[in-house]
Amino acid sequence: MSWENDKLNREAEAETLLRFLDNRMATLSARGEQQSYVLNLDAPWGHGKSFFLNGTAAALKADGHAVARVNAWETDFASEPLLAILSALDKALQPYLTKPALKAAWGNALSAGSTIAVSLVKNVASQTAKRYAGDFVEEAREALGGPVKKSDDEEDSYGVGAGIEEAIEKLADRGLEKLLIAFRAQEASITTFRTQVGRLISSLGGKRIYVLVDELDRCRPDYAVRTLEAVKHLFNTPGVVFIIATDTSQLIEAIKAVYGQSFGSGAYLRRFFNRSYRLRPPPFIPFVEHLFDRYGIEPDDFDLLPEVPAVRYIAKSSEAFSLSLRDLEQAFDLLGTVKDTWPYPIKLQLAFLWPLICMFHRGDRSAFDAVAAGSSIDLPKNLLARQLLVGKSWGRHSTSDFSIDVQTLFGSAAEFMRTDIVDFLQNSPTNTVEQHLSDSFRREVGALHDGQLLWSPRTISVIREYPNYVELAFRFSAKD
């Protein structure tokens, strides 16, 4: 089972979800309700939906179920989503087709499904052709000098009106006949597909077919809608379970893009799902650990007081800034971009940089600009209560337990904006924070000034550049 690095404790949620599905499918079967089950797994982007599906798929396979995986974002280049689902099912079912009868059943189902998919592709092409054909008819009318005029005592202006009318009637009759034939053929194919899939499921010894769909909300809106329609209407077969992971708020917007902004997308969407499950919002500290992993950043990439873990500092200060998980994620993206654009061979001071990013992301430009100008500011009052740790601090004559808050760390680091390195290093450090800053100054002097302290001009730390790189990171992150 693939739950390695489960920092958000999603395994426990997956076990609960699968237990719910087992019991719900058993209840439906006992009632004689012959249908599939479609569950919407809802969570904002970046909250571990793909990780959840990966672990869930491994658990289901270990339990003997057939599991098909569909990444809708990777397959929306196709004109018909049904083809992507059929392809995933074909791959997932191969290990179970050990008997000729089962192979034949799936072959028949696949053939029927392919027929449906082809007809759907043709329908899309037909709708496109009709749209352009409509444009052609209008252009033809304009070329003939305007709309056809005729009355009881007036002949057709161009002598073709009656012929066109007769031809249209014949085409309409033939078109209706073809539509009825196509509809009946498609209906028969759907029946065949469901029957053959049902026959296959009955041979799985009580196991089911699970189809896990990811990234649907990132697809083209029309593709997302057609995927849901295919799932609801074609796969309505007992023993088939779909788990469709989406940021549902984004999916609602996608549906509006197809049907119009005034369309009741939420109610429409609920028609496709038997039930929705929203992933539990993770605690801040595990979520920050998750972000470090996802962005490929190491906490040791930043400079921070050794007794203060970077994960805890970011988590606690983010809570104090009242960042939501989504805000935290976006701010972390800015942090990664600052790191990737930072040109100096010294580590970034996280105690100073992270509150700067939080200010900027929250839109508190007055505080941000004040810091950039070298002014001393107070952070939000509730930051003062954010005790980050209890550890050992040393003074001139003894060591003792201590706690430290974000304001103290930020304020001390902010002194880099205004303090001459030479002046600072002339004084001996009196506590743990000052010792850390002294060590950081000396590393900077060694890396950027060949270890030489300059009395003139003043030597100011490159921390003065932080506000510029935060703004630069935002320009990289901004969406058109």
Protein backbone atom coordinates (compact mmCIF):
# COMPACT_ATOMS: atom_id res chain seq x y z
CA MET A 1 0.00 0.00 0.00
CA SER A 2 1.42 3.37 -1.05
CA TRP A 3 1.00 5.69 1.94
CA GLU A 4 4.65 6.57 2.35
CA ASN A 5 5.19 10.20 3.41
CA ASP A 6 1.53 10.56 4.38
CA LYS A 7 2.12 13.86 6.17
CA LEU A 8 -1.56 14.87 5.99
CA ASN A 9 -2.82 11.59 7.52
CA ARG A 10 -4.91 10.78 4.45
CA GLU A 11 -4.68 7.02 4.99
CA ALA A 12 -7.18 7.15 7.86
CA GLU A 13 -9.58 9.17 5.71
CA ALA A 14 -9.22 6.69 2.85
CA GLU A 15 -10.05 3.78 5.14
CA THR A 16 -13.19 5.60 6.30
CA LEU A 17 -14.19 6.43 2.75
CA LEU A 18 -13.74 2.87 1.48
CA ARG A 19 -15.67 1.49 4.45
CA PHE A 20 -18.50 3.87 3.59
CA LEU A 21 -18.48 2.76 -0.05
CA ASP A 22 -18.49 -0.93 0.91
CA ASN A 23 -21.48 -0.49 3.20
CA ARG A 24 -23.34 1.79 0.82
CA MET A 25 -22.93 -0.59 -2.13
CA ALA A 26 -24.10 -3.47 0.07
CA THR A 27 -27.18 -1.46 1.08
CA LEU A 28 -28.03 -0.65 -2.55
CA SER A 29 -27.68 -4.30 -3.50
CA ALA A 30 -29.94 -5.40 -0.62
CA ARG A 31 -32.58 -2.94 -1.80
CA GLY A 32 -32.38 -4.33 -5.30
CA GLU A 33 -31.20 -0.99 -6.68
CA GLN A 34 -29.13 -1.91 -9.71
CA GLN A 35 -26.84 1.03 -10.25
CA SER A 36 -23.28 2.24 -10.08
CA TYR A 37 -22.01 4.68 -7.47
CA VAL A 38 -20.29 7.98 -8.21
CA LEU A 39 -18.50 9.82 -5.42
CA ASN A 40 -16.99 13.29 -5.72
CA LEU A 41 -13.76 13.72 -3.75
CA ASP A 42 -13.63 17.46 -3.13
CA ALA A 43 -10.63 19.52 -2.01
CA PRO A 44 -8.85 22.69 -3.11
CA TRP A 45 -5.84 22.42 -5.37
CA GLY A 46 -2.72 21.32 -3.53
CA HIS A 47 -4.47 19.55 -0.64
CA GLY A 48 -3.39 16.06 -1.62
CA LYS A 49 -6.18 14.71 -3.84
CA SER A 50 -3.77 12.92 -6.18
CA PHE A 51 -1.84 11.48 -3.25
CA PHE A 52 -5.14 10.33 -1.75
CA LEU A 53 -6.15 8.61 -5.01
CA ASN A 54 -2.74 6.93 -5.30
CA GLY A 55 -3.00 5.46 -1.83
CA THR A 56 -6.65 4.50 -2.33
CA ALA A 57 -5.86 2.75 -5.61
CA ALA A 58 -3.11 0.72 -3.95
CA ALA A 59 -5.46 -0.28 -1.10
CA LEU A 60 -8.20 -1.33 -3.52
CA LYS A 61 -5.82 -3.38 -5.65
CA ALA A 62 -4.47 -5.10 -2.55
CA ASP A 63 -8.05 -6.06 -1.71
CA GLY A 64 -8.54 -7.67 -5.12
CA HIS A 65 -10.61 -4.99 -6.86
CA ALA A 66 -10.01 -3.92 -10.46
CA VAL A 67 -8.82 -0.32 -10.46
CA ALA A 68 -8.66 1.95 -13.50
CA ARG A 69 -6.92 5.32 -13.28
CA VAL A 70 -7.83 8.28 -15.49
CA ASN A 71 -5.98 11.59 -15.44
CA ALA A 72 -8.48 13.77 -17.25
CA TRP A 73 -6.01 16.65 -17.58
CA GLU A 74 -3.60 14.42 -19.51
CA THR A 75 -6.27 12.98 -21.80
CA ASP A 76 -8.38 16.01 -22.69
CA PHE A 77 -6.52 16.28 -25.99
CA ALA A 78 -8.95 13.57 -27.15
CA SER A 79 -12.26 14.68 -28.59
CA GLU A 80 -14.24 12.12 -26.57
CA PRO A 81 -13.53 11.35 -22.87
CA LEU A 82 -15.21 7.96 -23.12
CA LEU A 83 -12.21 6.73 -25.11
CA ALA A 84 -9.86 7.59 -22.24
CA ILE A 85 -12.08 5.77 -19.73
CA LEU A 86 -12.37 2.69 -21.95
CA SER A 87 -8.61 2.62 -22.48
CA ALA A 88 -7.98 2.78 -18.71
CA LEU A 89 -10.54 0.05 -18.07
CA ASP A 90 -9.04 -2.18 -20.74
CA LYS A 91 -5.64 -1.92 -19.07
CA ALA A 92 -7.03 -2.49 -15.57
CA LEU A 93 -9.11 -5.54 -16.51
CA GLN A 94 -6.48 -7.51 -18.40
CA PRO A 95 -5.27 -9.47 -15.32
CA TYR A 96 -8.86 -10.64 -14.70
CA LEU A 97 -9.58 -11.90 -18.22
CA THR A 98 -8.16 -15.37 -17.64
CA LYS A 99 -11.13 -17.27 -19.04
CA PRO A 100 -12.33 -17.16 -22.65
CA ALA A 101 -15.88 -16.26 -21.57
CA LEU A 102 -14.66 -13.28 -19.57
CA LYS A 103 -12.41 -12.13 -22.38
CA ALA A 104 -15.32 -12.39 -24.78
CA ALA A 105 -17.61 -10.45 -22.42
CA TRP A 106 -15.14 -7.61 -22.12
CA GLY A 107 -14.46 -7.73 -25.86
CA ASN A 108 -18.18 -7.28 -26.53
CA ALA A 109 -18.41 -4.48 -23.99
CA LEU A 110 -15.36 -2.73 -25.44
CA SER A 111 -16.76 -3.03 -28.94
CA ALA A 112 -20.09 -1.55 -27.87
CA GLY A 113 -18.38 1.22 -25.92
CA SER A 114 -16.16 2.06 -28.86
CA THR A 115 -19.21 2.26 -31.11
CA ILE A 116 -20.81 4.71 -28.69
CA ALA A 117 -17.60 6.76 -28.51
CA VAL A 118 -17.35 6.96 -32.29
CA SER A 119 -20.97 8.09 -32.55
CA LEU A 120 -20.34 10.75 -29.92
CA VAL A 121 -17.29 11.97 -31.83
CA LYS A 122 -19.37 12.15 -34.99
CA ASN A 123 -22.05 14.07 -33.10
CA VAL A 124 -19.51 16.67 -31.98
CA ALA A 125 -18.21 16.95 -35.54
CA SER A 126 -21.79 17.22 -36.80
CA GLN A 127 -22.59 20.05 -34.41
CA THR A 128 -19.48 21.87 -35.60
CA ALA A 129 -20.41 21.29 -39.21
CA LYS A 130 -23.93 22.54 -38.60
CA ARG A 131 -22.58 25.71 -37.08
CA TYR A 132 -20.43 26.38 -40.12
CA ALA A 133 -23.19 25.22 -42.44
CA GLY A 134 -25.46 27.78 -40.84
CA ASP A 135 -22.89 30.45 -41.61
CA PHE A 136 -22.73 29.18 -45.20
CA VAL A 137 -26.50 29.40 -45.65
CA GLU A 138 -26.53 32.97 -44.39
CA GLU A 139 -23.69 33.85 -46.76
CA ALA A 140 -25.55 32.21 -49.64
CA ARG A 141 -28.65 34.23 -48.88
CA GLU A 142 -26.63 37.41 -48.84
CA ALA A 143 -25.04 36.46 -52.16
CA LEU A 144 -28.51 35.99 -53.67
CA GLY A 145 -29.48 39.46 -52.61
CA GLY A 146 -31.27 38.86 -49.32
CA PRO A 147 -33.96 36.57 -47.96
CA VAL A 148 -36.34 34.77 -50.28
CA LYS A 149 -39.57 36.71 -50.74
CA LYS A 150 -42.80 35.19 -51.90
CA SER A 151 -46.49 35.65 -51.40
CA ASP A 152 -49.71 34.29 -52.87
CA ASP A 153 -49.62 36.71 -55.79
CA GLU A 154 -45.86 37.23 -56.06
CA GLU A 155 -43.43 34.83 -57.64
CA ASP A 156 -40.19 33.88 -56.00
CA SER A 157 -37.70 36.70 -56.56
CA TYR A 158 -35.10 34.26 -57.85
CA GLY A 159 -37.25 31.35 -58.96
CA VAL A 160 -35.70 28.91 -56.47
CA GLY A 161 -37.85 29.31 -53.33
CA ALA A 162 -40.20 26.39 -53.98
CA GLY A 163 -37.33 24.07 -54.85
CA ILE A 164 -35.47 24.96 -51.70
CA GLU A 165 -38.57 24.44 -49.59
CA GLU A 166 -39.23 21.04 -51.11
CA ALA A 167 -35.60 19.99 -50.72
CA ILE A 168 -35.57 21.07 -47.08
CA GLU A 169 -38.68 18.98 -46.37
CA LYS A 170 -37.10 15.91 -47.93
CA LEU A 171 -33.84 16.46 -46.08
CA ALA A 172 -35.74 16.89 -42.83
CA ASP A 173 -37.59 13.60 -43.33
CA ARG A 174 -34.39 11.78 -44.20
CA GLY A 175 -32.54 13.44 -41.33
CA LEU A 176 -35.19 12.41 -38.82
CA GLU A 177 -35.09 8.85 -40.09
CA LYS A 178 -31.30 8.76 -39.76
CA LEU A 179 -31.48 10.24 -36.29
CA LEU A 180 -33.94 7.57 -35.15
CA ILE A 181 -31.78 4.81 -36.58
CA ALA A 182 -28.68 6.25 -34.93
CA PHE A 183 -30.48 6.67 -31.61
CA ARG A 184 -31.74 3.08 -31.60
CA ALA A 185 -28.27 1.78 -32.50
CA GLN A 186 -26.70 3.81 -29.72
CA GLU A 187 -29.36 2.65 -27.27
CA ALA A 188 -28.65 -0.95 -28.20
CA SER A 189 -24.92 -0.39 -27.79
CA ILE A 190 -25.42 1.06 -24.31
CA THR A 191 -27.55 -1.94 -23.32
CA THR A 192 -24.92 -4.32 -24.66
CA PHE A 193 -22.16 -2.49 -22.84
CA ARG A 194 -23.93 -2.55 -19.50
CA THR A 195 -24.94 -6.19 -19.88
CA GLN A 196 -21.42 -7.36 -20.75
CA VAL A 197 -19.80 -5.30 -17.99
CA GLY A 198 -22.34 -6.71 -15.54
CA ARG A 199 -21.48 -10.21 -16.67
CA LEU A 200 -17.81 -9.48 -16.13
CA ILE A 201 -18.39 -8.05 -12.64
CA SER A 202 -20.44 -11.07 -11.60
CA SER A 203 -17.36 -13.22 -12.23
CA LEU A 204 -15.11 -11.14 -9.93
CA GLY A 205 -16.19 -12.99 -6.81
CA GLY A 206 -17.76 -10.05 -5.02
CA LYS A 207 -15.09 -7.58 -6.08
CA ARG A 208 -15.84 -4.39 -7.95
CA ILE A 209 -14.50 -2.19 -10.71
CA TYR A 210 -13.26 1.14 -9.41
CA VAL A 211 -12.50 4.01 -11.76
CA LEU A 212 -10.50 6.83 -10.17
CA VAL A 213 -10.62 10.10 -12.13
CA ASP A 214 -8.22 12.92 -11.28
CA GLU A 215 -7.76 16.54 -12.42
CA LEU A 216 -11.22 16.87 -14.00
CA ASP A 217 -11.55 20.50 -12.90
CA ARG A 218 -8.41 21.41 -14.90
CA CYS A 219 -9.83 20.18 -18.22
CA ARG A 220 -11.57 22.07 -20.98
CA PRO A 221 -15.07 22.83 -19.67
CA ASP A 222 -16.84 20.90 -22.45
CA TYR A 223 -14.60 17.89 -21.88
CA ALA A 224 -15.31 17.90 -18.15
CA VAL A 225 -19.07 18.01 -18.73
CA ARG A 226 -18.98 15.21 -21.31
CA THR A 227 -16.91 13.07 -18.92
CA LEU A 228 -19.58 13.37 -16.24
CA GLU A 229 -22.34 12.63 -18.74
CA ALA A 230 -20.54 9.49 -19.94
CA VAL A 231 -20.02 8.27 -16.37
CA LYS A 232 -23.64 8.83 -15.39
CA HIS A 233 -25.39 7.44 -18.44
CA LEU A 234 -23.13 4.70 -19.76
CA PHE A 235 -21.59 3.18 -16.63
CA ASN A 236 -24.75 2.89 -14.57
CA THR A 237 -24.02 -0.73 -13.76
CA PRO A 238 -23.99 -2.48 -10.34
CA GLY A 239 -20.48 -3.10 -9.09
CA VAL A 240 -18.94 -0.06 -10.80
CA VAL A 241 -17.71 2.74 -8.53
CA PHE A 242 -16.31 6.06 -9.70
CA ILE A 243 -14.27 8.31 -7.41
CA ILE A 244 -13.85 11.65 -9.16
CA ALA A 245 -11.43 14.08 -7.52
CA THR A 246 -12.06 17.76 -8.15
CA ASP A 247 -11.83 21.20 -6.73
CA THR A 248 -15.60 21.36 -6.98
CA SER A 249 -15.79 25.15 -6.89
CA GLN A 250 -13.61 25.22 -10.01
CA LEU A 251 -15.71 22.53 -11.65
CA ILE A 252 -18.84 24.61 -11.05
CA GLU A 253 -17.18 27.49 -12.88
CA ALA A 254 -16.27 25.15 -15.74
CA ILE A 255 -19.91 24.12 -16.11
CA LYS A 256 -20.93 27.79 -16.20
CA ALA A 257 -18.47 28.28 -19.05
CA VAL A 258 -20.48 25.73 -21.05
CA TYR A 259 -24.04 26.64 -20.09
CA GLY A 260 -23.77 30.30 -19.07
CA GLN A 261 -23.06 32.24 -15.88
CA SER A 262 -26.71 32.24 -14.81
CA PHE A 263 -26.91 28.44 -15.04
CA GLY A 264 -27.47 26.59 -11.75
CA SER A 265 -24.18 24.72 -11.94
CA GLY A 266 -24.19 23.49 -8.35
CA ALA A 267 -27.57 21.80 -8.64
CA TYR A 268 -26.66 20.43 -12.06
CA LEU A 269 -23.43 18.96 -10.72
CA ARG A 270 -25.18 17.21 -7.85
CA ARG A 271 -27.15 15.19 -10.40
CA PHE A 272 -23.99 13.38 -11.41
CA PHE A 273 -22.79 12.43 -7.93
CA ASN A 274 -24.41 10.12 -5.43
CA ARG A 275 -22.37 11.69 -2.67
CA SER A 276 -19.53 14.18 -2.16
CA TYR A 277 -16.77 13.89 0.40
CA ARG A 278 -14.62 16.91 1.25
CA LEU A 279 -11.11 16.11 2.43
CA ARG A 280 -10.37 17.28 5.95
CA PRO A 281 -8.34 20.50 6.05
CA PRO A 282 -4.93 19.48 7.39
CA PRO A 283 -3.30 21.08 10.45
CA PHE A 284 -0.78 23.78 9.64
CA ILE A 285 2.42 21.99 10.66
CA PRO A 286 1.77 18.78 8.65
CA PHE A 287 0.63 20.95 5.74
CA VAL A 288 3.85 22.96 5.79
CA GLU A 289 5.84 19.70 5.84
CA HIS A 290 3.78 18.62 2.84
CA LEU A 291 4.58 21.89 1.03
CA PHE A 292 8.32 21.48 1.63
CA ASP A 293 8.11 18.02 0.05
CA ARG A 294 5.93 19.10 -2.85
CA TYR A 295 8.09 22.05 -3.81
CA GLY A 296 11.32 20.10 -3.35
CA ILE A 297 12.63 22.59 -0.78
CA GLU A 298 14.61 21.61 2.30
CA PRO A 299 14.12 23.53 5.57
CA ASP A 300 17.91 23.68 5.81
CA ASP A 301 17.96 25.74 2.62
CA PHE A 302 17.16 28.74 4.85
CA ASP A 303 18.98 30.38 7.72
CA LEU A 304 17.15 30.36 11.03
CA LEU A 305 17.95 30.14 14.70
CA PRO A 306 19.01 26.50 15.20
CA GLU A 307 16.55 25.98 18.06
CA VAL A 308 13.64 27.09 15.85
CA PRO A 309 12.46 24.50 13.28
CA ALA A 310 11.65 26.16 9.95
CA VAL A 311 8.41 24.17 9.59
CA ARG A 312 7.16 25.33 12.97
CA TYR A 313 8.18 28.93 12.34
CA ILE A 314 6.27 29.08 9.04
CA ALA A 315 3.23 27.31 10.49
CA LYS A 316 2.94 29.42 13.63
CA SER A 317 3.60 32.75 11.96
CA SER A 318 1.12 31.89 9.17
CA GLU A 319 -1.56 31.17 11.76
CA ALA A 320 -0.76 34.47 13.42
CA PHE A 321 -1.16 36.27 10.10
CA SER A 322 -4.57 34.51 9.77
CA LEU A 323 -3.57 32.84 6.50
CA SER A 324 -5.91 30.20 5.16
CA LEU A 325 -4.40 26.97 3.85
CA ARG A 326 -4.81 28.32 0.34
CA ASP A 327 -3.09 31.57 1.35
CA LEU A 328 -0.30 29.58 2.96
CA GLU A 329 0.17 27.56 -0.19
CA GLN A 330 0.33 30.67 -2.38
CA ALA A 331 2.75 32.35 0.03
CA PHE A 332 4.91 29.23 -0.01
CA ASP A 333 5.01 29.42 -3.80
CA LEU A 334 6.36 32.96 -3.43
CA LEU A 335 8.98 31.66 -0.99
CA GLY A 336 10.10 29.04 -3.51
CA THR A 337 10.32 31.65 -6.26
CA VAL A 338 12.38 34.00 -4.08
CA LYS A 339 14.74 31.11 -3.39
CA ASP A 340 15.01 30.28 -7.10
CA THR A 341 15.79 33.88 -8.08
CA TRP A 342 18.11 34.76 -5.18
CA PRO A 343 21.56 35.51 -6.71
CA TYR A 344 23.75 35.58 -3.58
CA PRO A 345 25.67 32.52 -2.30
CA ILE A 346 24.25 32.81 1.22
CA LYS A 347 21.11 31.41 2.75
CA LEU A 348 17.96 33.48 3.04
CA GLN A 349 17.00 34.58 6.56
CA LEU A 350 13.62 32.91 7.04
CA ALA A 351 12.77 34.84 10.23
CA PHE A 352 12.70 38.06 8.21
CA LEU A 353 11.66 36.81 4.77
CA TRP A 354 8.54 34.84 5.69
CA PRO A 355 6.68 37.66 7.51
CA LEU A 356 7.57 39.93 4.56
CA ILE A 357 5.95 37.43 2.19
CA CYS A 358 2.89 37.17 4.44
CA MET A 359 2.50 40.96 4.49
CA PHE A 360 2.81 41.18 0.74
CA HIS A 361 0.44 38.30 0.06
CA ARG A 362 -2.20 39.71 2.42
CA GLY A 363 -2.02 43.05 0.63
CA ASP A 364 -0.65 44.91 3.66
CA ARG A 365 1.44 47.16 1.47
CA SER A 366 1.80 49.96 4.01
CA ALA A 367 3.64 47.64 6.41
CA PHE A 368 5.58 46.01 3.59
CA ASP A 369 6.69 49.35 2.15
CA ALA A 370 7.63 50.59 5.61
CA VAL A 371 9.92 47.61 6.11
CA ALA A 372 11.35 48.05 2.61
CA ALA A 373 12.15 51.65 3.48
CA GLY A 374 14.01 50.54 6.59
CA SER A 375 11.41 51.63 9.10
CA SER A 376 10.76 49.70 12.30
CA ILE A 377 7.23 48.29 12.51
CA ASP A 378 5.21 46.12 14.84
CA LEU A 379 3.75 42.94 13.43
CA PRO A 380 0.12 42.00 14.15
CA LYS A 381 -0.50 41.87 17.90
CA ASN A 382 -1.38 38.20 17.94
CA LEU A 383 2.11 37.42 16.68
CA LEU A 384 3.41 38.36 20.10
CA ALA A 385 1.59 35.39 21.59
CA ARG A 386 3.09 32.89 19.13
CA GLN A 387 5.70 31.21 21.24
CA LEU A 388 7.82 29.16 18.88
CA LEU A 389 9.85 27.00 21.19
CA VAL A 390 11.26 26.28 24.59
CA GLY A 391 14.97 25.63 24.54
CA LYS A 392 18.28 26.70 26.02
CA SER A 393 19.40 30.28 25.84
CA TRP A 394 22.71 31.54 27.04
CA GLY A 395 23.66 34.82 28.58
CA ARG A 396 27.00 36.11 29.75
CA HIS A 397 27.14 33.88 32.81
CA SER A 398 24.50 31.14 32.52
CA THR A 399 22.07 29.18 30.40
CA SER A 400 18.34 28.95 30.98
CA ASP A 401 15.13 27.76 29.40
CA PHE A 402 13.46 30.30 27.17
CA SER A 403 10.71 30.83 24.63
CA ILE A 404 10.77 33.14 21.67
CA ASP A 405 8.13 34.76 19.50
CA VAL A 406 7.89 35.75 15.85
CA GLN A 407 8.05 39.47 16.64
CA THR A 408 11.41 39.08 18.35
CA LEU A 409 12.94 37.06 15.53
CA PHE A 410 11.51 39.32 12.83
CA GLY A 411 12.54 42.50 14.60
CA SER A 412 16.06 41.25 15.20
CA ALA A 413 16.48 40.15 11.59
CA ALA A 414 14.98 43.43 10.37
CA GLU A 415 17.92 45.22 11.99
CA PHE A 416 19.92 43.87 9.05
CA MET A 417 18.11 46.46 6.95
CA ARG A 418 19.61 49.32 8.93
CA THR A 419 22.67 48.06 10.80
CA ASP A 420 26.23 48.37 9.58
CA ILE A 421 27.81 44.91 9.79
CA VAL A 422 31.02 46.36 11.18
CA ASP A 423 29.19 48.18 13.96
CA PHE A 424 27.25 45.05 14.89
CA LEU A 425 30.31 42.83 15.06
CA GLN A 426 32.16 45.25 17.34
CA ASN A 427 29.81 44.24 20.16
CA SER A 428 29.80 40.81 21.75
CA PRO A 429 26.48 38.94 21.53
CA THR A 430 24.52 38.76 24.78
CA ASN A 431 21.92 36.14 23.92
CA THR A 432 21.10 33.32 21.52
CA VAL A 433 19.43 35.55 18.93
CA GLU A 434 22.34 38.00 18.80
CA GLN A 435 24.79 35.12 18.54
CA HIS A 436 22.84 33.73 15.57
CA LEU A 437 22.83 37.12 13.86
CA SER A 438 26.53 37.55 14.51
CA ASP A 439 27.27 34.17 12.94
CA SER A 440 25.07 35.04 9.94
CA PHE A 441 26.87 38.36 9.47
CA ARG A 442 30.25 36.68 9.52
CA ARG A 443 29.15 34.11 6.91
CA GLU A 444 27.91 36.92 4.70
CA VAL A 445 31.16 38.85 5.04
CA GLY A 446 33.10 35.72 4.13
CA ALA A 447 30.93 34.91 1.09
CA LEU A 448 30.45 38.40 -0.33
CA HIS A 449 33.37 40.50 0.90
CA ASP A 450 36.25 38.01 0.92
CA GLY A 451 36.17 38.08 4.69
CA GLN A 452 37.16 41.75 4.77
CA LEU A 453 35.12 44.22 6.84
CA LEU A 454 34.78 47.56 5.12
CA TRP A 455 34.82 50.65 7.32
CA SER A 456 33.95 52.88 4.38
CA PRO A 457 31.54 52.72 2.72
CA ARG A 458 29.16 51.16 5.23
CA THR A 459 28.61 47.43 4.82
CA ILE A 460 24.87 46.70 4.90
CA SER A 461 23.50 43.18 4.69
CA VAL A 462 21.94 41.93 1.45
CA ILE A 463 18.75 41.43 3.48
CA ARG A 464 17.94 44.93 2.25
CA GLU A 465 17.22 43.23 -1.09
CA TYR A 466 14.47 40.95 0.29
CA PRO A 467 11.51 43.25 -0.49
CA ASN A 468 12.66 43.57 -4.10
CA TYR A 469 12.81 39.79 -4.53
CA VAL A 470 9.40 39.29 -2.92
CA GLU A 471 7.91 41.69 -5.46
CA LEU A 472 9.81 39.94 -8.25
CA ALA A 473 8.44 36.58 -7.10
CA PHE A 474 4.92 37.94 -7.25
CA ARG A 475 5.45 39.02 -10.86
CA PHE A 476 6.51 35.45 -11.65
CA SER A 477 3.44 34.09 -9.88
CA ALA A 478 0.89 36.55 -11.27
CA LYS A 479 -1.74 35.12 -13.63
CA ASP A 480 -2.90 36.90 -16.76
